[in-house]
N, C-alpha and C. Protein backbone atom coordinates (compact mmCIF):
# COMPACT_ATOMS: atom_id res chain seq x y z
N MET A 1 36.19 -12.67 -35.46
CA MET A 1 34.96 -12.46 -34.75
C MET A 1 35.12 -11.29 -33.79
N MET A 2 34.13 -10.38 -33.84
CA MET A 2 34.18 -9.17 -33.02
C MET A 2 33.50 -9.43 -31.68
N VAL A 3 34.10 -9.00 -30.59
CA VAL A 3 33.54 -9.16 -29.25
C VAL A 3 32.85 -7.86 -28.86
N MET A 4 31.53 -7.97 -28.47
CA MET A 4 30.78 -6.78 -28.08
C MET A 4 30.95 -6.52 -26.59
N PRO A 5 31.06 -5.25 -26.21
CA PRO A 5 31.13 -4.92 -24.79
C PRO A 5 29.83 -5.31 -24.09
N THR A 6 29.92 -5.64 -22.81
CA THR A 6 28.77 -6.09 -22.03
C THR A 6 27.66 -5.03 -22.00
N LYS A 7 28.02 -3.77 -21.87
CA LYS A 7 27.04 -2.70 -21.82
C LYS A 7 26.23 -2.66 -23.12
N PHE A 8 26.90 -2.84 -24.24
CA PHE A 8 26.23 -2.85 -25.54
C PHE A 8 25.29 -4.04 -25.65
N LYS A 9 25.70 -5.19 -25.16
CA LYS A 9 24.85 -6.39 -25.20
C LYS A 9 23.57 -6.18 -24.40
N LYS A 10 23.70 -5.59 -23.22
CA LYS A 10 22.52 -5.34 -22.39
C LYS A 10 21.58 -4.34 -23.05
N THR A 11 22.13 -3.30 -23.62
CA THR A 11 21.31 -2.30 -24.30
C THR A 11 20.62 -2.90 -25.51
N PHE A 12 21.34 -3.69 -26.28
CA PHE A 12 20.78 -4.34 -27.45
C PHE A 12 19.64 -5.29 -27.05
N ALA A 13 19.85 -6.06 -25.98
CA ALA A 13 18.82 -6.99 -25.51
C ALA A 13 17.58 -6.22 -25.05
N LEU A 14 17.77 -5.08 -24.39
CA LEU A 14 16.66 -4.26 -23.93
C LEU A 14 15.87 -3.70 -25.12
N VAL A 15 16.56 -3.25 -26.13
CA VAL A 15 15.90 -2.72 -27.33
C VAL A 15 15.08 -3.82 -28.01
N ILE A 16 15.62 -4.99 -28.13
CA ILE A 16 14.90 -6.11 -28.75
C ILE A 16 13.66 -6.45 -27.92
N PHE A 17 13.81 -6.52 -26.60
CA PHE A 17 12.68 -6.84 -25.72
C PHE A 17 11.59 -5.79 -25.83
N LEU A 18 11.96 -4.50 -25.77
CA LEU A 18 10.95 -3.43 -25.83
C LEU A 18 10.24 -3.40 -27.18
N SER A 19 10.95 -3.64 -28.25
CA SER A 19 10.30 -3.64 -29.56
C SER A 19 9.33 -4.80 -29.68
N ALA A 20 9.63 -5.92 -29.05
CA ALA A 20 8.70 -7.06 -29.05
C ALA A 20 7.46 -6.75 -28.24
N VAL A 21 7.63 -6.09 -27.10
CA VAL A 21 6.49 -5.73 -26.25
C VAL A 21 5.60 -4.71 -26.94
N ILE A 22 6.20 -3.70 -27.55
CA ILE A 22 5.44 -2.64 -28.20
C ILE A 22 4.67 -3.17 -29.40
N SER A 23 5.23 -4.11 -30.12
CA SER A 23 4.58 -4.62 -31.32
C SER A 23 3.60 -5.76 -31.03
N ALA A 24 3.39 -6.11 -29.75
CA ALA A 24 2.44 -7.17 -29.40
C ALA A 24 1.03 -6.72 -29.78
N PRO A 25 0.18 -7.65 -30.20
CA PRO A 25 -1.16 -7.28 -30.60
C PRO A 25 -1.97 -6.68 -29.45
N VAL A 26 -2.75 -5.66 -29.76
CA VAL A 26 -3.56 -4.98 -28.76
C VAL A 26 -4.68 -5.89 -28.28
N ALA A 27 -5.14 -6.81 -29.12
CA ALA A 27 -6.23 -7.71 -28.75
C ALA A 27 -5.89 -8.56 -27.55
N ALA A 28 -4.62 -8.68 -27.24
CA ALA A 28 -4.21 -9.49 -26.10
C ALA A 28 -4.48 -8.78 -24.77
N CYS A 29 -4.80 -7.49 -24.82
CA CYS A 29 -5.07 -6.74 -23.60
C CYS A 29 -6.43 -7.09 -23.04
N ASN A 30 -6.54 -7.07 -21.74
CA ASN A 30 -7.81 -7.30 -21.06
C ASN A 30 -8.60 -5.99 -21.09
N GLU A 31 -9.82 -6.01 -21.63
CA GLU A 31 -10.61 -4.79 -21.76
C GLU A 31 -10.89 -4.13 -20.42
N GLU A 32 -11.02 -4.91 -19.36
CA GLU A 32 -11.31 -4.34 -18.05
C GLU A 32 -10.20 -3.42 -17.57
N LEU A 33 -8.99 -3.65 -18.01
CA LEU A 33 -7.88 -2.81 -17.60
C LEU A 33 -7.90 -1.47 -18.30
N VAL A 34 -8.60 -1.37 -19.42
CA VAL A 34 -8.62 -0.14 -20.21
C VAL A 34 -9.66 0.83 -19.68
N LEU A 35 -10.71 0.34 -19.02
CA LEU A 35 -11.78 1.19 -18.54
C LEU A 35 -11.29 2.11 -17.43
N ALA A 36 -11.71 3.35 -17.51
CA ALA A 36 -11.37 4.30 -16.47
C ALA A 36 -12.42 4.20 -15.36
N VAL A 37 -12.01 4.36 -14.13
CA VAL A 37 -12.94 4.31 -13.01
C VAL A 37 -13.35 5.74 -12.67
N LEU A 38 -14.65 5.94 -12.63
CA LEU A 38 -15.22 7.25 -12.34
C LEU A 38 -15.26 7.45 -10.82
N THR A 39 -14.64 8.50 -10.33
CA THR A 39 -14.65 8.76 -8.89
C THR A 39 -15.98 9.38 -8.48
N LEU A 40 -16.27 9.35 -7.20
CA LEU A 40 -17.49 9.96 -6.68
C LEU A 40 -17.48 11.46 -6.96
N ASP A 41 -16.33 12.07 -6.78
CA ASP A 41 -16.21 13.52 -7.04
C ASP A 41 -16.52 13.85 -8.50
N ASP A 42 -16.01 13.03 -9.42
CA ASP A 42 -16.28 13.25 -10.84
C ASP A 42 -17.76 13.04 -11.17
N ALA A 43 -18.39 12.05 -10.53
CA ALA A 43 -19.81 11.80 -10.75
C ALA A 43 -20.64 12.99 -10.28
N VAL A 44 -20.29 13.55 -9.13
CA VAL A 44 -21.01 14.72 -8.60
C VAL A 44 -20.83 15.91 -9.54
N LYS A 45 -19.60 16.11 -10.02
CA LYS A 45 -19.34 17.22 -10.94
C LYS A 45 -20.16 17.07 -12.22
N ASP A 46 -20.30 15.83 -12.70
CA ASP A 46 -21.08 15.56 -13.90
C ASP A 46 -22.55 15.90 -13.68
N VAL A 47 -23.10 15.48 -12.54
CA VAL A 47 -24.50 15.78 -12.23
C VAL A 47 -24.71 17.29 -12.11
N LYS A 48 -23.77 17.97 -11.46
CA LYS A 48 -23.87 19.43 -11.33
C LYS A 48 -23.81 20.11 -12.70
N SER A 49 -22.94 19.62 -13.58
CA SER A 49 -22.79 20.24 -14.90
C SER A 49 -24.04 20.05 -15.76
N ARG A 50 -24.81 18.97 -15.49
CA ARG A 50 -26.06 18.74 -16.23
C ARG A 50 -27.22 19.53 -15.63
N LYS A 51 -26.93 20.27 -14.55
CA LYS A 51 -27.93 21.11 -13.87
C LYS A 51 -29.17 20.31 -13.49
N GLU A 52 -28.92 19.14 -12.89
CA GLU A 52 -30.01 18.26 -12.43
C GLU A 52 -30.72 18.87 -11.22
N GLY A 53 -30.04 19.73 -10.50
CA GLY A 53 -30.58 20.34 -9.29
C GLY A 53 -29.47 20.50 -8.27
N LYS A 54 -29.87 20.77 -7.03
CA LYS A 54 -28.89 20.95 -5.96
C LYS A 54 -28.52 19.60 -5.37
N VAL A 55 -27.22 19.30 -5.31
CA VAL A 55 -26.76 18.03 -4.76
C VAL A 55 -26.88 18.09 -3.24
N LEU A 56 -27.64 17.15 -2.68
CA LEU A 56 -27.84 17.09 -1.23
C LEU A 56 -26.87 16.13 -0.55
N ASN A 57 -26.60 15.01 -1.21
CA ASN A 57 -25.76 13.98 -0.62
C ASN A 57 -25.19 13.12 -1.74
N ALA A 58 -24.05 12.52 -1.49
CA ALA A 58 -23.44 11.61 -2.46
C ALA A 58 -22.68 10.55 -1.70
N GLU A 59 -22.85 9.31 -2.13
CA GLU A 59 -22.13 8.20 -1.51
C GLU A 59 -21.93 7.09 -2.52
N THR A 60 -21.00 6.21 -2.22
CA THR A 60 -20.75 5.05 -3.06
C THR A 60 -21.21 3.82 -2.30
N ILE A 61 -22.07 3.02 -2.94
CA ILE A 61 -22.55 1.79 -2.34
C ILE A 61 -22.22 0.64 -3.28
N GLU A 62 -22.44 -0.58 -2.82
CA GLU A 62 -22.19 -1.75 -3.64
C GLU A 62 -23.52 -2.39 -4.02
N ILE A 63 -23.73 -2.57 -5.33
CA ILE A 63 -24.92 -3.22 -5.84
C ILE A 63 -24.46 -4.37 -6.73
N LYS A 64 -24.86 -5.58 -6.36
CA LYS A 64 -24.47 -6.80 -7.08
C LYS A 64 -22.95 -6.89 -7.25
N GLY A 65 -22.23 -6.53 -6.21
CA GLY A 65 -20.78 -6.63 -6.23
C GLY A 65 -20.06 -5.52 -6.96
N GLU A 66 -20.80 -4.55 -7.49
CA GLU A 66 -20.17 -3.45 -8.23
C GLU A 66 -20.37 -2.13 -7.47
N PRO A 67 -19.34 -1.29 -7.41
CA PRO A 67 -19.51 0.01 -6.77
C PRO A 67 -20.37 0.94 -7.62
N VAL A 68 -21.34 1.58 -6.98
CA VAL A 68 -22.26 2.50 -7.66
C VAL A 68 -22.33 3.78 -6.85
N HIS A 69 -22.22 4.92 -7.53
CA HIS A 69 -22.35 6.21 -6.86
C HIS A 69 -23.83 6.59 -6.85
N VAL A 70 -24.33 6.94 -5.68
CA VAL A 70 -25.72 7.39 -5.54
C VAL A 70 -25.67 8.85 -5.12
N ILE A 71 -26.25 9.70 -5.96
CA ILE A 71 -26.23 11.13 -5.72
C ILE A 71 -27.67 11.60 -5.53
N LYS A 72 -27.94 12.16 -4.35
CA LYS A 72 -29.28 12.65 -4.02
C LYS A 72 -29.34 14.13 -4.41
N VAL A 73 -30.36 14.47 -5.21
CA VAL A 73 -30.48 15.82 -5.78
C VAL A 73 -31.85 16.39 -5.46
N LEU A 74 -31.89 17.66 -5.11
CA LEU A 74 -33.14 18.39 -4.95
C LEU A 74 -33.41 19.10 -6.27
N THR A 75 -34.49 18.68 -6.97
CA THR A 75 -34.79 19.25 -8.28
C THR A 75 -35.38 20.65 -8.14
N LYS A 76 -35.46 21.36 -9.23
CA LYS A 76 -36.03 22.72 -9.24
C LYS A 76 -37.50 22.71 -8.85
N SER A 77 -38.18 21.59 -9.09
CA SER A 77 -39.60 21.48 -8.73
C SER A 77 -39.79 21.09 -7.26
N GLY A 78 -38.70 20.91 -6.51
CA GLY A 78 -38.78 20.62 -5.09
C GLY A 78 -38.80 19.14 -4.74
N ARG A 79 -38.62 18.27 -5.70
CA ARG A 79 -38.61 16.83 -5.44
C ARG A 79 -37.18 16.35 -5.21
N VAL A 80 -37.05 15.30 -4.42
CA VAL A 80 -35.73 14.69 -4.20
C VAL A 80 -35.60 13.51 -5.14
N LYS A 81 -34.50 13.48 -5.85
CA LYS A 81 -34.27 12.44 -6.86
C LYS A 81 -32.91 11.80 -6.57
N LYS A 82 -32.86 10.46 -6.70
CA LYS A 82 -31.59 9.74 -6.56
C LYS A 82 -31.08 9.37 -7.94
N ILE A 83 -29.86 9.74 -8.21
CA ILE A 83 -29.23 9.42 -9.49
C ILE A 83 -28.14 8.40 -9.21
N ARG A 84 -28.21 7.26 -9.90
CA ARG A 84 -27.20 6.21 -9.74
C ARG A 84 -26.24 6.26 -10.92
N VAL A 85 -24.96 6.27 -10.60
CA VAL A 85 -23.91 6.32 -11.63
C VAL A 85 -22.97 5.15 -11.40
N ASN A 86 -22.81 4.31 -12.42
CA ASN A 86 -21.88 3.18 -12.34
C ASN A 86 -20.46 3.73 -12.25
N SER A 87 -19.72 3.33 -11.23
CA SER A 87 -18.37 3.86 -11.05
C SER A 87 -17.39 3.36 -12.10
N ASN A 88 -17.77 2.35 -12.88
CA ASN A 88 -16.90 1.84 -13.94
C ASN A 88 -17.12 2.56 -15.26
N ASP A 89 -18.06 3.50 -15.30
CA ASP A 89 -18.28 4.29 -16.51
C ASP A 89 -17.09 5.19 -16.75
N GLU A 90 -16.85 5.45 -18.03
CA GLU A 90 -15.77 6.37 -18.35
C GLU A 90 -16.23 7.79 -18.15
N LYS A 91 -15.29 8.62 -17.81
CA LYS A 91 -15.60 10.03 -17.57
C LYS A 91 -15.95 10.70 -18.87
């Protein structure tokens, strides 16, 4: 019977553990952990890129327990419009 060095045993155990973790089914993941959180800065950049108008103000408020970005825009026609962006939306 061959005796394995301790270092080899630890490395072998780590390889077995990592291969088990990597091959675990993806369905076991919680979908909420996969969603990217949209920052206020990213939401403002998105509104600016869509040329909605001039951004006057931007803030994050809570609606029904969820953070929502509210961006106040002055449109080309001179009206003030509030754009609400769910902060849980993907970029």
